[in-house]
All heavy atoms as atom14 arrays in JSON, in Angstrom:
{
  "sequence": "MTRKMQNAELSNALKHYQCYKYIAESQFNNDDAFLIFEDDVIFKKSPS",
  "atom14_mask": [
    [1, 1, 1, 1, 1, 1, 1, 1, 0, 0, 0, 0, 0, 0],
    [1, 1, 1, 1, 1, 1, 1, 0, 0, 0, 0, 0, 0, 0],
    [1, 1, 1, 1, 1, 1, 1, 1, 1, 1, 1, 0, 0, 0],
    [1, 1, 1, 1, 1, 1, 1, 1, 1, 0, 0, 0, 0, 0],
    [1, 1, 1, 1, 1, 1, 1, 1, 0, 0, 0, 0, 0, 0],
    [1, 1, 1, 1, 1, 1, 1, 1, 1, 0, 0, 0, 0, 0],
    [1, 1, 1, 1, 1, 1, 1, 1, 0, 0, 0, 0, 0, 0],
    [1, 1, 1, 1, 1, 0, 0, 0, 0, 0, 0, 0, 0, 0],
    [1, 1, 1, 1, 1, 1, 1, 1, 1, 0, 0, 0, 0, 0],
    [1, 1, 1, 1, 1, 1, 1, 1, 0, 0, 0, 0, 0, 0],
    [1, 1, 1, 1, 1, 1, 0, 0, 0, 0, 0, 0, 0, 0],
    [1, 1, 1, 1, 1, 1, 1, 1, 0, 0, 0, 0, 0, 0],
    [1, 1, 1, 1, 1, 0, 0, 0, 0, 0, 0, 0, 0, 0],
    [1, 1, 1, 1, 1, 1, 1, 1, 0, 0, 0, 0, 0, 0],
    [1, 1, 1, 1, 1, 1, 1, 1, 1, 0, 0, 0, 0, 0],
    [1, 1, 1, 1, 1, 1, 1, 1, 1, 1, 0, 0, 0, 0],
    [1, 1, 1, 1, 1, 1, 1, 1, 1, 1, 1, 1, 0, 0],
    [1, 1, 1, 1, 1, 1, 1, 1, 1, 0, 0, 0, 0, 0],
    [1, 1, 1, 1, 1, 1, 0, 0, 0, 0, 0, 0, 0, 0],
    [1, 1, 1, 1, 1, 1, 1, 1, 1, 1, 1, 1, 0, 0],
    [1, 1, 1, 1, 1, 1, 1, 1, 1, 0, 0, 0, 0, 0],
    [1, 1, 1, 1, 1, 1, 1, 1, 1, 1, 1, 1, 0, 0],
    [1, 1, 1, 1, 1, 1, 1, 1, 0, 0, 0, 0, 0, 0],
    [1, 1, 1, 1, 1, 0, 0, 0, 0, 0, 0, 0, 0, 0],
    [1, 1, 1, 1, 1, 1, 1, 1, 1, 0, 0, 0, 0, 0],
    [1, 1, 1, 1, 1, 1, 0, 0, 0, 0, 0, 0, 0, 0],
    [1, 1, 1, 1, 1, 1, 1, 1, 1, 0, 0, 0, 0, 0],
    [1, 1, 1, 1, 1, 1, 1, 1, 1, 1, 1, 0, 0, 0],
    [1, 1, 1, 1, 1, 1, 1, 1, 0, 0, 0, 0, 0, 0],
    [1, 1, 1, 1, 1, 1, 1, 1, 0, 0, 0, 0, 0, 0],
    [1, 1, 1, 1, 1, 1, 1, 1, 0, 0, 0, 0, 0, 0],
    [1, 1, 1, 1, 1, 1, 1, 1, 0, 0, 0, 0, 0, 0],
    [1, 1, 1, 1, 1, 0, 0, 0, 0, 0, 0, 0, 0, 0],
    [1, 1, 1, 1, 1, 1, 1, 1, 1, 1, 1, 0, 0, 0],
    [1, 1, 1, 1, 1, 1, 1, 1, 0, 0, 0, 0, 0, 0],
    [1, 1, 1, 1, 1, 1, 1, 1, 0, 0, 0, 0, 0, 0],
    [1, 1, 1, 1, 1, 1, 1, 1, 1, 1, 1, 0, 0, 0],
    [1, 1, 1, 1, 1, 1, 1, 1, 1, 0, 0, 0, 0, 0],
    [1, 1, 1, 1, 1, 1, 1, 1, 0, 0, 0, 0, 0, 0],
    [1, 1, 1, 1, 1, 1, 1, 1, 0, 0, 0, 0, 0, 0],
    [1, 1, 1, 1, 1, 1, 1, 0, 0, 0, 0, 0, 0, 0],
    [1, 1, 1, 1, 1, 1, 1, 1, 0, 0, 0, 0, 0, 0],
    [1, 1, 1, 1, 1, 1, 1, 1, 1, 1, 1, 0, 0, 0],
    [1, 1, 1, 1, 1, 1, 1, 1, 1, 0, 0, 0, 0, 0],
    [1, 1, 1, 1, 1, 1, 1, 1, 1, 0, 0, 0, 0, 0],
    [1, 1, 1, 1, 1, 1, 0, 0, 0, 0, 0, 0, 0, 0],
    [1, 1, 1, 1, 1, 1, 1, 0, 0, 0, 0, 0, 0, 0],
    [1, 1, 1, 1, 1, 1, 0, 0, 0, 0, 0, 0, 0, 0]
  ],
  "atom14_positions": [
    [[0.88, -1.18, 0.01], [-0.06, 0.01, -0.07], [0.91, 1.22, -0.03], [1.9, 1.3, 0.71], [-0.92, 0.0, 1.17], [-1.97, -1.13, 1.19], [-3.23, -1.03, 2.35], [-4.18, 0.3, 1.75], [0.0, 0.0, 0.0], [0.0, 0.0, 0.0], [0.0, 0.0, 0.0], [0.0, 0.0, 0.0], [0.0, 0.0, 0.0], [0.0, 0.0, 0.0]],
    [[0.54, 2.18, -0.74], [1.31, 3.41, -0.89], [0.56, 4.64, -0.17], [0.93, 5.75, -0.41], [1.54, 3.73, -2.3], [0.35, 3.9, -3.04], [2.4, 2.71, -3.04], [0.0, 0.0, 0.0], [0.0, 0.0, 0.0], [0.0, 0.0, 0.0], [0.0, 0.0, 0.0], [0.0, 0.0, 0.0], [0.0, 0.0, 0.0], [0.0, 0.0, 0.0]],
    [[-0.34, 4.31, 0.56], [-1.1, 5.35, 1.35], [-1.31, 4.91, 2.74], [-1.18, 3.69, 3.02], [-2.44, 5.64, 0.65], [-3.35, 4.38, 0.68], [-4.79, 4.74, 0.25], [-5.53, 3.51, 0.07], [-6.07, 2.82, 1.08], [-5.91, 3.18, 2.29], [-6.83, 1.75, 0.8], [0.0, 0.0, 0.0], [0.0, 0.0, 0.0], [0.0, 0.0, 0.0]],
    [[-1.62, 5.84, 3.61], [-1.94, 5.46, 4.98], [-3.23, 4.7, 4.94], [-4.19, 5.08, 4.3], [-2.05, 6.73, 5.86], [-2.3, 6.36, 7.28], [-2.2, 7.64, 8.13], [-2.47, 7.22, 9.56], [-2.35, 8.38, 10.49], [0.0, 0.0, 0.0], [0.0, 0.0, 0.0], [0.0, 0.0, 0.0], [0.0, 0.0, 0.0], [0.0, 0.0, 0.0]],
    [[-3.31, 3.54, 5.72], [-4.49, 2.83, 5.73], [-5.58, 3.62, 6.44], [-5.33, 4.32, 7.41], [-4.27, 1.53, 6.52], [-3.36, 0.53, 5.82], [-3.19, -1.03, 6.76], [-4.76, -1.77, 6.53], [0.0, 0.0, 0.0], [0.0, 0.0, 0.0], [0.0, 0.0, 0.0], [0.0, 0.0, 0.0], [0.0, 0.0, 0.0], [0.0, 0.0, 0.0]],
    [[-6.81, 3.38, 5.98], [-7.95, 4.01, 6.71], [-8.17, 3.26, 8.05], [-7.77, 2.05, 8.11], [-9.21, 3.92, 5.78], [-9.1, 4.73, 4.6], [-10.27, 4.44, 3.68], [-11.2, 3.74, 4.07], [-10.22, 4.96, 2.43], [0.0, 0.0, 0.0], [0.0, 0.0, 0.0], [0.0, 0.0, 0.0], [0.0, 0.0, 0.0], [0.0, 0.0, 0.0]],
    [[-8.76, 3.88, 8.96], [-8.91, 3.25, 10.29], [-9.75, 1.98, 10.2], [-9.56, 1.01, 10.83], [-9.52, 4.23, 11.26], [-8.51, 5.17, 11.83], [-7.32, 5.14, 11.5], [-8.93, 6.09, 12.65], [0.0, 0.0, 0.0], [0.0, 0.0, 0.0], [0.0, 0.0, 0.0], [0.0, 0.0, 0.0], [0.0, 0.0, 0.0], [0.0, 0.0, 0.0]],
    [[-10.76, 1.99, 9.26], [-11.56, 0.78, 9.12], [-10.73, -0.39, 8.61], [-11.01, -1.49, 8.97], [-12.73, 1.07, 8.17], [0.0, 0.0, 0.0], [0.0, 0.0, 0.0], [0.0, 0.0, 0.0], [0.0, 0.0, 0.0], [0.0, 0.0, 0.0], [0.0, 0.0, 0.0], [0.0, 0.0, 0.0], [0.0, 0.0, 0.0], [0.0, 0.0, 0.0]],
    [[-9.89, -0.12, 7.66], [-9.02, -1.12, 7.11], [-8.08, -1.69, 8.16], [-7.85, -2.88, 8.33], [-8.22, -0.6, 5.87], [-8.98, -0.25, 4.78], [-8.21, 0.63, 3.7], [-7.41, 1.43, 4.09], [-8.38, 0.34, 2.54], [0.0, 0.0, 0.0], [0.0, 0.0, 0.0], [0.0, 0.0, 0.0], [0.0, 0.0, 0.0], [0.0, 0.0, 0.0]],
    [[-7.51, -0.8, 8.92], [-6.48, -1.21, 9.93], [-7.33, -1.99, 11.06], [-6.81, -2.98, 11.59], [-5.83, 0.03, 10.55], [-4.72, -0.33, 11.51], [-3.65, -1.26, 10.91], [-4.05, 0.92, 12.1], [0.0, 0.0, 0.0], [0.0, 0.0, 0.0], [0.0, 0.0, 0.0], [0.0, 0.0, 0.0], [0.0, 0.0, 0.0], [0.0, 0.0, 0.0]],
    [[-8.51, -1.55, 11.41], [-9.33, -2.27, 12.39], [-9.5, -3.63, 11.95], [-9.32, -4.53, 12.74], [-10.64, -1.46, 12.55], [-11.57, -2.24, 13.22], [0.0, 0.0, 0.0], [0.0, 0.0, 0.0], [0.0, 0.0, 0.0], [0.0, 0.0, 0.0], [0.0, 0.0, 0.0], [0.0, 0.0, 0.0], [0.0, 0.0, 0.0], [0.0, 0.0, 0.0]],
    [[-9.95, -3.85, 10.71], [-10.16, -5.28, 10.21], [-8.85, -6.04, 10.25], [-8.82, -7.23, 10.78], [-10.68, -5.18, 8.74], [-11.19, -6.49, 8.33], [-10.36, -7.43, 8.09], [-12.47, -6.69, 8.15], [0.0, 0.0, 0.0], [0.0, 0.0, 0.0], [0.0, 0.0, 0.0], [0.0, 0.0, 0.0], [0.0, 0.0, 0.0], [0.0, 0.0, 0.0]],
    [[-7.77, -5.47, 9.82], [-6.47, -6.23, 9.82], [-6.08, -6.54, 11.26], [-5.58, -7.67, 11.57], [-5.36, -5.35, 9.18], [0.0, 0.0, 0.0], [0.0, 0.0, 0.0], [0.0, 0.0, 0.0], [0.0, 0.0, 0.0], [0.0, 0.0, 0.0], [0.0, 0.0, 0.0], [0.0, 0.0, 0.0], [0.0, 0.0, 0.0], [0.0, 0.0, 0.0]],
    [[-6.3, -5.61, 12.24], [-5.85, -5.91, 13.6], [-6.76, -6.94, 14.26], [-6.25, -7.73, 15.08], [-5.82, -4.72, 14.38], [-4.78, -3.67, 14.06], [-4.89, -2.36, 14.88], [-3.39, -4.31, 14.22], [0.0, 0.0, 0.0], [0.0, 0.0, 0.0], [0.0, 0.0, 0.0], [0.0, 0.0, 0.0], [0.0, 0.0, 0.0], [0.0, 0.0, 0.0]],
    [[-7.99, -7.0, 13.86], [-8.85, -8.05, 14.42], [-8.44, -9.39, 13.93], [-8.44, -10.41, 14.61], [-10.35, -7.75, 14.11], [-10.89, -6.57, 14.77], [-12.31, -6.12, 14.3], [-12.73, -4.87, 14.8], [-13.66, -5.01, 15.95], [0.0, 0.0, 0.0], [0.0, 0.0, 0.0], [0.0, 0.0, 0.0], [0.0, 0.0, 0.0], [0.0, 0.0, 0.0]],
    [[-8.11, -9.48, 12.64], [-7.54, -10.8, 12.1], [-6.23, -11.09, 12.79], [-6.0, -12.31, 13.17], [-7.34, -10.64, 10.62], [-8.63, -10.87, 9.85], [-9.01, -12.06, 9.31], [-9.53, -9.96, 9.36], [-10.13, -11.96, 8.71], [-10.48, -10.69, 8.69], [0.0, 0.0, 0.0], [0.0, 0.0, 0.0], [0.0, 0.0, 0.0], [0.0, 0.0, 0.0]],
    [[-5.35, -10.15, 12.96], [-4.09, -10.37, 13.7], [-4.34, -10.95, 15.02], [-3.67, -11.79, 15.47], [-3.35, -9.04, 13.75], [-2.1, -9.03, 14.68], [-0.93, -9.75, 14.21], [-2.22, -8.57, 15.9], [0.18, -9.76, 15.13], [-1.11, -8.6, 16.76], [0.05, -9.21, 16.33], [1.12, -9.24, 17.17], [0.0, 0.0, 0.0], [0.0, 0.0, 0.0]],
    [[-5.41, -10.39, 15.7], [-5.68, -10.96, 17.05], [-6.14, -12.4, 16.98], [-5.75, -13.19, 17.83], [-6.88, -10.09, 17.63], [-7.19, -10.41, 19.1], [-8.22, -9.49, 19.68], [-8.64, -8.48, 19.09], [-8.66, -9.72, 20.89], [0.0, 0.0, 0.0], [0.0, 0.0, 0.0], [0.0, 0.0, 0.0], [0.0, 0.0, 0.0], [0.0, 0.0, 0.0]],
    [[-6.86, -12.82, 15.94], [-7.22, -14.17, 15.79], [-5.94, -14.99, 15.59], [-5.79, -16.05, 16.25], [-8.12, -14.41, 14.58], [-9.77, -13.68, 14.77], [0.0, 0.0, 0.0], [0.0, 0.0, 0.0], [0.0, 0.0, 0.0], [0.0, 0.0, 0.0], [0.0, 0.0, 0.0], [0.0, 0.0, 0.0], [0.0, 0.0, 0.0], [0.0, 0.0, 0.0]],
    [[-5.03, -14.58, 14.69], [-3.8, -15.31, 14.39], [-2.99, -15.47, 15.63], [-2.31, -16.47, 15.95], [-3.04, -14.74, 13.29], [-3.85, -14.53, 11.98], [-3.71, -13.37, 11.22], [-4.76, -15.45, 11.61], [-4.46, -13.26, 10.02], [-5.52, -15.27, 10.42], [-5.32, -14.13, 9.62], [-6.04, -14.07, 8.52], [0.0, 0.0, 0.0], [0.0, 0.0, 0.0]],
    [[-2.88, -14.4, 16.41], [-2.1, -14.37, 17.62], [-2.67, -15.39, 18.62], [-1.88, -16.19, 19.21], [-2.03, -12.93, 18.23], [-1.17, -12.91, 19.45], [-1.05, -11.47, 19.94], [-0.08, -11.49, 21.16], [-0.17, -10.34, 21.94], [0.0, 0.0, 0.0], [0.0, 0.0, 0.0], [0.0, 0.0, 0.0], [0.0, 0.0, 0.0], [0.0, 0.0, 0.0]],
    [[-3.97, -15.39, 18.79], [-4.59, -16.42, 19.63], [-4.25, -17.78, 19.26], [-3.94, -18.65, 20.04], [-6.14, -16.16, 19.66], [-6.81, -17.24, 20.48], [-7.08, -17.08, 21.82], [-7.31, -18.46, 19.89], [-7.65, -18.12, 22.61], [-7.88, -19.4, 20.62], [-8.13, -19.27, 21.99], [-8.76, -20.25, 22.73], [0.0, 0.0, 0.0], [0.0, 0.0, 0.0]],
    [[-4.37, -18.1, 17.93], [-4.11, -19.39, 17.39], [-2.68, -19.69, 17.66], [-2.33, -20.89, 18.14], [-4.46, -19.49, 15.84], [-5.98, -19.31, 15.64], [-3.92, -20.77, 15.14], [-6.38, -19.03, 14.27], [0.0, 0.0, 0.0], [0.0, 0.0, 0.0], [0.0, 0.0, 0.0], [0.0, 0.0, 0.0], [0.0, 0.0, 0.0], [0.0, 0.0, 0.0]],
    [[-1.75, -18.87, 17.35], [-0.3, -19.17, 17.52], [0.06, -19.48, 19.0], [0.97, -20.24, 19.21], [0.49, -17.96, 17.05], [0.0, 0.0, 0.0], [0.0, 0.0, 0.0], [0.0, 0.0, 0.0], [0.0, 0.0, 0.0], [0.0, 0.0, 0.0], [0.0, 0.0, 0.0], [0.0, 0.0, 0.0], [0.0, 0.0, 0.0], [0.0, 0.0, 0.0]],
    [[-0.62, -18.88, 19.91], [-0.37, -19.08, 21.32], [-1.18, -20.26, 21.96], [-1.04, -20.47, 23.11], [-0.65, -17.75, 22.11], [0.3, -16.64, 21.67], [-0.08, -15.25, 22.27], [-1.16, -15.19, 22.88], [0.74, -14.36, 22.16], [0.0, 0.0, 0.0], [0.0, 0.0, 0.0], [0.0, 0.0, 0.0], [0.0, 0.0, 0.0], [0.0, 0.0, 0.0]],
    [[-2.05, -20.82, 21.11], [-2.87, -21.94, 21.65], [-2.13, -23.24, 21.64], [-1.24, -23.47, 20.84], [-4.13, -22.04, 20.75], [-4.96, -20.95, 20.92], [0.0, 0.0, 0.0], [0.0, 0.0, 0.0], [0.0, 0.0, 0.0], [0.0, 0.0, 0.0], [0.0, 0.0, 0.0], [0.0, 0.0, 0.0], [0.0, 0.0, 0.0], [0.0, 0.0, 0.0]],
    [[-2.58, -24.11, 22.52], [-2.09, -25.51, 22.52], [-3.12, -26.27, 21.66], [-4.25, -26.29, 21.89], [-2.13, -26.04, 23.9], [-1.23, -25.35, 24.87], [0.27, -25.58, 24.54], [0.55, -26.71, 24.12], [1.04, -24.54, 24.68], [0.0, 0.0, 0.0], [0.0, 0.0, 0.0], [0.0, 0.0, 0.0], [0.0, 0.0, 0.0], [0.0, 0.0, 0.0]],
    [[-2.51, -26.86, 20.49], [-3.41, -27.64, 19.67], [-2.66, -28.78, 19.01], [-1.42, -28.77, 18.97], [-4.05, -26.74, 18.64], [-3.12, -25.87, 17.78], [-2.64, -26.42, 16.6], [-2.78, -24.62, 18.18], [-1.74, -25.69, 15.84], [-1.82, -23.9, 17.42], [-1.39, -24.4, 16.22], [0.0, 0.0, 0.0], [0.0, 0.0, 0.0], [0.0, 0.0, 0.0]],
    [[-3.43, -29.68, 18.5], [-2.93, -30.83, 17.79], [-2.75, -30.59, 16.35], [-3.4, -29.66, 15.86], [-3.77, -32.1, 17.94], [-3.95, -32.45, 19.42], [-2.96, -32.48, 20.23], [-5.24, -32.78, 19.81], [0.0, 0.0, 0.0], [0.0, 0.0, 0.0], [0.0, 0.0, 0.0], [0.0, 0.0, 0.0], [0.0, 0.0, 0.0], [0.0, 0.0, 0.0]],
    [[-1.92, -31.35, 15.62], [-1.69, -31.13, 14.26], [-2.99, -31.17, 13.35], [-2.96, -30.54, 12.37], [-0.66, -32.02, 13.67], [0.77, -31.65, 14.13], [1.04, -30.47, 14.49], [1.67, -32.57, 14.06], [0.0, 0.0, 0.0], [0.0, 0.0, 0.0], [0.0, 0.0, 0.0], [0.0, 0.0, 0.0], [0.0, 0.0, 0.0], [0.0, 0.0, 0.0]],
    [[-3.95, -31.96, 13.86], [-5.19, -32.06, 13.03], [-6.21, -31.01, 13.48], [-7.31, -31.06, 12.95], [-5.67, -33.48, 13.11], [-6.13, -33.87, 14.58], [-5.6, -33.32, 15.49], [-6.89, -34.84, 14.69], [0.0, 0.0, 0.0], [0.0, 0.0, 0.0], [0.0, 0.0, 0.0], [0.0, 0.0, 0.0], [0.0, 0.0, 0.0], [0.0, 0.0, 0.0]],
    [[-5.88, -30.17, 14.49], [-6.84, -29.17, 14.77], [-6.82, -28.0, 13.74], [-5.77, -27.71, 13.13], [-6.46, -28.5, 16.17], [-6.82, -29.4, 17.3], [-7.57, -30.34, 17.11], [-6.27, -29.11, 18.44], [0.0, 0.0, 0.0], [0.0, 0.0, 0.0], [0.0, 0.0, 0.0], [0.0, 0.0, 0.0], [0.0, 0.0, 0.0], [0.0, 0.0, 0.0]],
    [[-7.95, -27.35, 13.58], [-8.02, -26.25, 12.71], [-8.93, -25.1, 13.43], [-9.64, -25.37, 14.33], [-8.74, -26.61, 11.38], [0.0, 0.0, 0.0], [0.0, 0.0, 0.0], [0.0, 0.0, 0.0], [0.0, 0.0, 0.0], [0.0, 0.0, 0.0], [0.0, 0.0, 0.0], [0.0, 0.0, 0.0], [0.0, 0.0, 0.0], [0.0, 0.0, 0.0]],
    [[-8.73, -23.91, 12.9], [-9.51, -22.81, 13.39], [-10.21, -22.08, 12.23], [-9.6, -22.07, 11.12], [-8.55, -21.78, 14.02], [-7.84, -22.27, 15.31], [-6.65, -23.04, 15.13], [-8.33, -22.06, 16.5], [-6.03, -23.52, 16.22], [-7.67, -22.55, 17.7], [-6.55, -23.29, 17.47], [0.0, 0.0, 0.0], [0.0, 0.0, 0.0], [0.0, 0.0, 0.0]],
    [[-11.32, -21.58, 12.43], [-12.06, -20.84, 11.41], [-12.13, -19.36, 11.74], [-12.3, -19.09, 12.96], [-13.51, -21.38, 11.2], [-13.59, -22.75, 10.8], [-15.0, -23.26, 10.71], [-13.02, -23.01, 9.39], [0.0, 0.0, 0.0], [0.0, 0.0, 0.0], [0.0, 0.0, 0.0], [0.0, 0.0, 0.0], [0.0, 0.0, 0.0], [0.0, 0.0, 0.0]],
    [[-11.94, -18.51, 10.73], [-12.08, -17.06, 10.96], [-12.99, -16.56, 9.83], [-12.77, -16.71, 8.69], [-10.68, -16.36, 10.79], [-9.73, -16.91, 11.85], [-10.89, -14.84, 11.08], [-8.32, -16.37, 11.63], [0.0, 0.0, 0.0], [0.0, 0.0, 0.0], [0.0, 0.0, 0.0], [0.0, 0.0, 0.0], [0.0, 0.0, 0.0], [0.0, 0.0, 0.0]],
    [[-14.1, -15.92, 10.36], [-15.12, -15.39, 9.48], [-15.28, -13.83, 9.84], [-15.0, -13.45, 10.93], [-16.5, -15.98, 9.6], [-16.51, -17.47, 9.29], [-16.63, -18.37, 10.32], [-16.47, -17.82, 7.95], [-16.78, -19.74, 9.98], [-16.5, -19.17, 7.69], [-16.67, -20.13, 8.71], [0.0, 0.0, 0.0], [0.0, 0.0, 0.0], [0.0, 0.0, 0.0]],
    [[-15.55, -13.05, 8.84], [-15.97, -11.67, 9.09], [-17.5, -11.66, 9.4], [-18.17, -12.62, 9.11], [-15.59, -10.84, 7.86], [-14.03, -10.76, 7.73], [-13.49, -9.69, 6.84], [-14.28, -8.91, 6.31], [-12.3, -9.78, 6.52], [0.0, 0.0, 0.0], [0.0, 0.0, 0.0], [0.0, 0.0, 0.0], [0.0, 0.0, 0.0], [0.0, 0.0, 0.0]],
    [[-17.89, -10.58, 9.95], [-19.19, -10.54, 10.44], [-20.33, -10.46, 9.44], [-21.52, -10.45, 9.69], [-19.38, -9.37, 11.53], [-19.14, -8.03, 10.96], [-18.86, -7.9, 9.79], [-19.11, -7.11, 11.76], [0.0, 0.0, 0.0], [0.0, 0.0, 0.0], [0.0, 0.0, 0.0], [0.0, 0.0, 0.0], [0.0, 0.0, 0.0], [0.0, 0.0, 0.0]],
    [[-19.93, -10.36, 8.17], [-20.97, -10.36, 7.12], [-21.14, -11.68, 6.45], [-21.76, -11.85, 5.42], [-20.63, -9.29, 6.08], [-19.28, -9.41, 5.42], [-18.54, -10.3, 5.89], [-19.11, -8.73, 4.41], [0.0, 0.0, 0.0], [0.0, 0.0, 0.0], [0.0, 0.0, 0.0], [0.0, 0.0, 0.0], [0.0, 0.0, 0.0], [0.0, 0.0, 0.0]],
    [[-20.58, -12.72, 7.06], [-20.71, -14.11, 6.47], [-22.14, -14.49, 6.56], [-22.87, -14.28, 7.47], [-19.75, -15.15, 7.2], [-20.27, -15.27, 8.73], [-19.74, -16.4, 6.48], [0.0, 0.0, 0.0], [0.0, 0.0, 0.0], [0.0, 0.0, 0.0], [0.0, 0.0, 0.0], [0.0, 0.0, 0.0], [0.0, 0.0, 0.0], [0.0, 0.0, 0.0]],
    [[-22.58, -15.15, 5.43], [-23.91, -15.75, 5.38], [-23.67, -17.13, 4.83], [-23.14, -17.31, 3.72], [-24.89, -14.95, 4.44], [-25.09, -13.53, 5.03], [-26.13, -15.7, 4.28], [-25.84, -12.65, 4.11], [0.0, 0.0, 0.0], [0.0, 0.0, 0.0], [0.0, 0.0, 0.0], [0.0, 0.0, 0.0], [0.0, 0.0, 0.0], [0.0, 0.0, 0.0]],
    [[-24.04, -18.17, 5.59], [-23.81, -19.52, 5.14], [-24.99, -19.89, 4.22], [-26.06, -19.98, 4.53], [-23.84, -20.48, 6.37], [-22.68, -20.21, 7.23], [-22.81, -19.57, 8.41], [-21.37, -20.61, 6.86], [-21.72, -19.34, 9.31], [-20.32, -20.44, 7.63], [-20.45, -19.77, 8.88], [0.0, 0.0, 0.0], [0.0, 0.0, 0.0], [0.0, 0.0, 0.0]],
    [[-24.6, -20.03, 2.9], [-25.52, -20.44, 1.89], [-25.98, -21.9, 1.98], [-27.07, -22.25, 1.53], [-25.05, -20.09, 0.5], [-24.8, -18.66, 0.26], [-24.19, -18.38, -1.08], [-23.9, -16.91, -1.35], [-23.29, -16.63, -2.58], [0.0, 0.0, 0.0], [0.0, 0.0, 0.0], [0.0, 0.0, 0.0], [0.0, 0.0, 0.0], [0.0, 0.0, 0.0]],
    [[-25.06, -22.63, 2.52], [-25.25, -24.08, 2.71], [-24.8, -24.34, 4.17], [-24.26, -23.57, 4.8], [-24.46, -24.91, 1.8], [-24.92, -24.71, 0.36], [-24.06, -25.46, -0.64], [-24.44, -25.17, -2.03], [-23.52, -25.93, -2.99], [0.0, 0.0, 0.0], [0.0, 0.0, 0.0], [0.0, 0.0, 0.0], [0.0, 0.0, 0.0], [0.0, 0.0, 0.0]],
    [[-25.07, -25.54, 4.66], [-24.62, -25.86, 5.98], [-23.18, -25.68, 6.17], [-22.39, -26.11, 5.3], [-24.98, -27.33, 6.3], [-24.44, -27.72, 7.52], [0.0, 0.0, 0.0], [0.0, 0.0, 0.0], [0.0, 0.0, 0.0], [0.0, 0.0, 0.0], [0.0, 0.0, 0.0], [0.0, 0.0, 0.0], [0.0, 0.0, 0.0], [0.0, 0.0, 0.0]],
    [[-22.75, -24.99, 7.23], [-21.38, -24.75, 7.45], [-20.49, -26.14, 7.65], [-19.29, -26.16, 7.53], [-21.17, -23.98, 8.81], [-22.63, -23.66, 9.11], [-23.51, -24.32, 8.26], [0.0, 0.0, 0.0], [0.0, 0.0, 0.0], [0.0, 0.0, 0.0], [0.0, 0.0, 0.0], [0.0, 0.0, 0.0], [0.0, 0.0, 0.0], [0.0, 0.0, 0.0]],
    [[-21.17, -27.24, 7.8], [-20.48, -28.52, 7.94], [-19.82, -28.87, 6.71], [-18.86, -29.71, 6.63], [-21.48, -29.61, 8.34], [-22.43, -29.76, 7.43], [0.0, 0.0, 0.0], [0.0, 0.0, 0.0], [0.0, 0.0, 0.0], [0.0, 0.0, 0.0], [0.0, 0.0, 0.0], [0.0, 0.0, 0.0], [0.0, 0.0, 0.0], [0.0, 0.0, 0.0]]
  ]
}
């Protein structure tokens, strides 16, 4: 990016960063996974 990020953009990036940080600091098995969605997600089919 060649411009200063807007606060809304930085907010979204930092929220994602917070998720990644939580995951990195978690105790988990190799077969564990984490899901990250934004708040406008709409499941068109079952999330399963």
